[in-house]
């Protein structure tokens, strides 16, 4: 088979518009009172529609996100969460950073007893990523 030369110069200056993290709608987030304080329940909120963009190329990153938490006194209001998650749409952020940012913002919002954010990022170039961020953080065992 003959070797084919491909000129990749046409890709050199292509960039898509990328927003920075300041556009994430943290202030849109709301809570509602948890009426059964002291009774531990586990709340799981899954979504298959999370999107951000690669901070280098601007190409989209898609993820299935699952937020699981044990409320203390507040529940996350769902409509506000949808707007918050959608605000990542054009944000250039690494997958690991997005997952941690979601956890930090939601912990700050509702002060849960425990929370975990799991993100299963679609594969790019044959490599997928699963990121799990947890509060309080598990202790790392030193060997």
C-alpha atoms as a PDB file:
ATOM      1  CA  UNK A   1       0.000   0.000   0.000  1.00  0.00           C
ATOM      2  CA  UNK A   2       1.303   3.410  -0.944  1.00  0.00           C
ATOM      3  CA  UNK A   3       2.091   5.893   1.790  1.00  0.00           C
ATOM      4  CA  UNK A   4      -0.246   8.880   1.764  1.00  0.00           C
ATOM      5  CA  UNK A   5       1.023  12.255   2.914  1.00  0.00           C
ATOM      6  CA  UNK A   6      -1.538  14.274   4.855  1.00  0.00           C
ATOM      7  CA  UNK A   7      -1.167  17.992   5.438  1.00  0.00           C
ATOM      8  CA  UNK A   8      -2.458  18.821   8.912  1.00  0.00           C
ATOM      9  CA  UNK A   9      -1.706  22.557   8.620  1.00  0.00           C
ATOM     10  CA  UNK A  10      -5.399  23.279   8.023  1.00  0.00           C
ATOM     11  CA  UNK A  11      -6.096  22.322  11.661  1.00  0.00           C
ATOM     12  CA  UNK A  12      -3.359  24.513  13.131  1.00  0.00           C
ATOM     13  CA  UNK A  13      -5.410  27.668  13.713  1.00  0.00           C
ATOM     14  CA  UNK A  14      -8.852  26.160  14.293  1.00  0.00           C
ATOM     15  CA  UNK A  15     -10.221  27.046  17.706  1.00  0.00           C
ATOM     16  CA  UNK A  16     -13.792  27.062  18.897  1.00  0.00           C
ATOM     17  CA  UNK A  17     -15.108  29.638  21.325  1.00  0.00           C
ATOM     18  CA  UNK A  18     -14.293  28.525  24.839  1.00  0.00           C
ATOM     19  CA  UNK A  19     -15.744  30.140  27.951  1.00  0.00           C
ATOM     20  CA  UNK A  20     -13.873  30.242  31.241  1.00  0.00           C
ATOM     21  CA  UNK A  21     -15.243  28.975  34.558  1.00  0.00           C
ATOM     22  CA  UNK A  22     -16.673  32.390  35.451  1.00  0.00           C
ATOM     23  CA  UNK A  23     -19.773  31.597  33.330  1.00  0.00           C
ATOM     24  CA  UNK A  24     -20.749  28.609  35.486  1.00  0.00           C
ATOM     25  CA  UNK A  25     -24.055  29.557  37.104  1.00  0.00           C
ATOM     26  CA  UNK A  26     -23.247  28.773  40.724  1.00  0.00           C
ATOM     27  CA  UNK A  27     -25.647  31.465  41.976  1.00  0.00           C
ATOM     28  CA  UNK A  28     -28.588  29.771  40.207  1.00  0.00           C
ATOM     29  CA  UNK A  29     -28.356  26.789  42.580  1.00  0.00           C
ATOM     30  CA  UNK A  30     -31.095  26.543  45.199  1.00  0.00           C
ATOM     31  CA  UNK A  31     -32.058  24.190  48.000  1.00  0.00           C
ATOM     32  CA  UNK A  32     -35.284  23.120  49.622  1.00  0.00           C
ATOM     33  CA  UNK A  33     -35.598  22.101  53.278  1.00  0.00           C
ATOM     34  CA  UNK A  34     -35.260  18.408  54.080  1.00  0.00           C
ATOM     35  CA  UNK A  35     -38.257  17.730  56.307  1.00  0.00           C
ATOM     36  CA  UNK A  36     -36.903  14.496  57.801  1.00  0.00           C
ATOM     37  CA  UNK A  37     -33.702  15.771  59.418  1.00  0.00           C
ATOM     38  CA  UNK A  38     -32.039  12.922  61.307  1.00  0.00           C
ATOM     39  CA  UNK A  39     -33.441  10.251  58.996  1.00  0.00           C
ATOM     40  CA  UNK A  40     -30.656   9.331  56.592  1.00  0.00           C
ATOM     41  CA  UNK A  41     -31.706   8.732  53.020  1.00  0.00           C
ATOM     42  CA  UNK A  42     -29.565   8.428  49.928  1.00  0.00           C
ATOM     43  CA  UNK A  43     -30.533  10.694  47.031  1.00  0.00           C
ATOM     44  CA  UNK A  44     -29.220   9.830  43.562  1.00  0.00           C
ATOM     45  CA  UNK A  45     -29.481  12.243  40.643  1.00  0.00           C
ATOM     46  CA  UNK A  46     -28.304  10.823  37.289  1.00  0.00           C
ATOM     47  CA  UNK A  47     -27.987  12.700  34.011  1.00  0.00           C
ATOM     48  CA  UNK A  48     -26.766  11.592  30.605  1.00  0.00           C
ATOM     49  CA  UNK A  49     -26.735  15.109  29.175  1.00  0.00           C
ATOM     50  CA  UNK A  50     -23.663  16.765  30.701  1.00  0.00           C
ATOM     51  CA  UNK A  51     -21.383  18.593  28.295  1.00  0.00           C
ATOM     52  CA  UNK A  52     -18.318  20.772  28.655  1.00  0.00           C
ATOM     53  CA  UNK A  53     -15.482  21.355  26.197  1.00  0.00           C
ATOM     54  CA  UNK A  54     -11.812  20.489  26.014  1.00  0.00           C
ATOM     55  CA  UNK A  55      -9.867  23.579  27.140  1.00  0.00           C
ATOM     56  CA  UNK A  56      -7.260  22.955  24.462  1.00  0.00           C
ATOM     57  CA  UNK A  57      -9.313  22.210  21.335  1.00  0.00           C
ATOM     58  CA  UNK A  58     -12.810  23.407  22.202  1.00  0.00           C
ATOM     59  CA  UNK A  59     -14.214  20.054  21.102  1.00  0.00           C
ATOM     60  CA  UNK A  60     -17.109  18.759  23.213  1.00  0.00           C
ATOM     61  CA  UNK A  61     -16.705  16.372  26.137  1.00  0.00           C
ATOM     62  CA  UNK A  62     -19.815  14.372  27.045  1.00  0.00           C
ATOM     63  CA  UNK A  63     -20.400  12.605  30.347  1.00  0.00           C
ATOM     64  CA  UNK A  64     -22.925  10.629  32.301  1.00  0.00           C
ATOM     65  CA  UNK A  65     -22.954  12.266  35.728  1.00  0.00           C
ATOM     66  CA  UNK A  66     -24.366  10.667  38.865  1.00  0.00           C
ATOM     67  CA  UNK A  67     -24.675  12.768  42.016  1.00  0.00           C
ATOM     68  CA  UNK A  68     -25.388  10.767  45.166  1.00  0.00           C
ATOM     69  CA  UNK A  69     -25.707  12.303  48.616  1.00  0.00           C
ATOM     70  CA  UNK A  70     -27.071  11.931  52.126  1.00  0.00           C
ATOM     71  CA  UNK A  71     -28.762  15.219  53.002  1.00  0.00           C
ATOM     72  CA  UNK A  72     -28.274  16.996  56.276  1.00  0.00           C
ATOM     73  CA  UNK A  73     -30.906  19.762  56.363  1.00  0.00           C
ATOM     74  CA  UNK A  74     -31.178  20.718  52.668  1.00  0.00           C
ATOM     75  CA  UNK A  75     -32.046  19.035  49.370  1.00  0.00           C
ATOM     76  CA  UNK A  76     -30.791  20.251  45.989  1.00  0.00           C
ATOM     77  CA  UNK A  77     -33.590  21.861  43.990  1.00  0.00           C
ATOM     78  CA  UNK A  78     -33.696  20.036  40.646  1.00  0.00           C
ATOM     79  CA  UNK A  79     -34.538  22.843  38.201  1.00  0.00           C
ATOM     80  CA  UNK A  80     -31.684  24.966  39.514  1.00  0.00           C
ATOM     81  CA  UNK A  81     -29.345  21.965  39.201  1.00  0.00           C
ATOM     82  CA  UNK A  82     -30.334  21.528  35.539  1.00  0.00           C
ATOM     83  CA  UNK A  83     -29.481  25.168  34.808  1.00  0.00           C
ATOM     84  CA  UNK A  84     -26.220  24.866  36.736  1.00  0.00           C
ATOM     85  CA  UNK A  85     -25.095  21.731  34.880  1.00  0.00           C
ATOM     86  CA  UNK A  86     -26.140  23.190  31.518  1.00  0.00           C
ATOM     87  CA  UNK A  87     -23.999  26.277  32.178  1.00  0.00           C
ATOM     88  CA  UNK A  88     -20.882  24.115  31.669  1.00  0.00           C
ATOM     89  CA  UNK A  89     -21.848  23.722  27.976  1.00  0.00           C
ATOM     90  CA  UNK A  90     -19.080  25.921  26.524  1.00  0.00           C
ATOM     91  CA  UNK A  91     -16.699  25.936  29.483  1.00  0.00           C
ATOM     92  CA  UNK A  92     -13.166  24.795  28.730  1.00  0.00           C
ATOM     93  CA  UNK A  93     -12.383  22.556  31.683  1.00  0.00           C
ATOM     94  CA  UNK A  94     -10.531  19.295  32.149  1.00  0.00           C
ATOM     95  CA  UNK A  95     -12.739  16.322  32.964  1.00  0.00           C
ATOM     96  CA  UNK A  96     -11.188  15.750  36.372  1.00  0.00           C
ATOM     97  CA  UNK A  97     -11.537  19.418  37.259  1.00  0.00           C
ATOM     98  CA  UNK A  98     -15.193  19.569  36.160  1.00  0.00           C
ATOM     99  CA  UNK A  99     -16.045  16.584  38.351  1.00  0.00           C
ATOM    100  CA  UNK A 100     -14.312  18.102  41.391  1.00  0.00           C
ATOM    101  CA  UNK A 101     -15.838  21.537  40.729  1.00  0.00           C
ATOM    102  CA  UNK A 102     -19.362  20.077  40.670  1.00  0.00           C
ATOM    103  CA  UNK A 103     -18.710  18.309  43.979  1.00  0.00           C
ATOM    104  CA  UNK A 104     -17.283  21.430  45.635  1.00  0.00           C
ATOM    105  CA  UNK A 105     -20.127  23.678  44.459  1.00  0.00           C
ATOM    106  CA  UNK A 106     -22.824  21.247  45.586  1.00  0.00           C
ATOM    107  CA  UNK A 107     -21.209  20.567  48.978  1.00  0.00           C
ATOM    108  CA  UNK A 108     -20.966  24.319  49.558  1.00  0.00           C
ATOM    109  CA  UNK A 109     -24.632  24.649  48.566  1.00  0.00           C
ATOM    110  CA  UNK A 110     -26.317  21.969  50.664  1.00  0.00           C
ATOM    111  CA  UNK A 111     -23.814  20.895  53.347  1.00  0.00           C
ATOM    112  CA  UNK A 112     -24.572  17.163  52.997  1.00  0.00           C
ATOM    113  CA  UNK A 113     -23.493  14.461  55.417  1.00  0.00           C
ATOM    114  CA  UNK A 114     -21.877  12.702  52.458  1.00  0.00           C
ATOM    115  CA  UNK A 115     -21.744  13.221  48.693  1.00  0.00           C
ATOM    116  CA  UNK A 116     -20.224  11.520  45.670  1.00  0.00           C
ATOM    117  CA  UNK A 117     -20.072  12.754  42.072  1.00  0.00           C
ATOM    118  CA  UNK A 118     -19.304  10.090  39.480  1.00  0.00           C
ATOM    119  CA  UNK A 119     -18.561  11.130  35.909  1.00  0.00           C
ATOM    120  CA  UNK A 120     -18.230   8.609  33.096  1.00  0.00           C
ATOM    121  CA  UNK A 121     -16.716  10.579  30.231  1.00  0.00           C
ATOM    122  CA  UNK A 122     -17.175   9.400  26.653  1.00  0.00           C
ATOM    123  CA  UNK A 123     -14.078   7.965  25.050  1.00  0.00           C
ATOM    124  CA  UNK A 124     -11.884  10.153  22.858  1.00  0.00           C
ATOM    125  CA  UNK A 125      -9.131   8.545  20.838  1.00  0.00           C
ATOM    126  CA  UNK A 126     -10.081   5.193  22.323  1.00  0.00           C
ATOM    127  CA  UNK A 127      -9.596   6.340  25.936  1.00  0.00           C
ATOM    128  CA  UNK A 128     -12.493   6.864  28.283  1.00  0.00           C
ATOM    129  CA  UNK A 129     -12.262   8.423  31.712  1.00  0.00           C
ATOM    130  CA  UNK A 130     -14.165   7.708  34.912  1.00  0.00           C
ATOM    131  CA  UNK A 131     -13.751  10.309  37.642  1.00  0.00           C
ATOM    132  CA  UNK A 132     -15.150   9.862  41.152  1.00  0.00           C
ATOM    133  CA  UNK A 133     -15.002  12.708  43.662  1.00  0.00           C
ATOM    134  CA  UNK A 134     -16.274  12.226  47.187  1.00  0.00           C
ATOM    135  CA  UNK A 135     -17.006  14.304  50.295  1.00  0.00           C
ATOM    136  CA  UNK A 136     -15.809  13.785  52.890  1.00  0.00           C
ATOM    137  CA  UNK A 137     -12.832  12.431  51.052  1.00  0.00           C
ATOM    138  CA  UNK A 138     -11.718   8.872  51.724  1.00  0.00           C
ATOM    139  CA  UNK A 139      -8.411   8.625  53.541  1.00  0.00           C
ATOM    140  CA  UNK A 140      -5.587   7.342  51.376  1.00  0.00           C
ATOM    141  CA  UNK A 141      -3.723   4.412  52.918  1.00  0.00           C
ATOM    142  CA  UNK A 142       0.070   4.760  52.813  1.00  0.00           C
ATOM    143  CA  UNK A 143       1.827   1.465  52.194  1.00  0.00           C
END
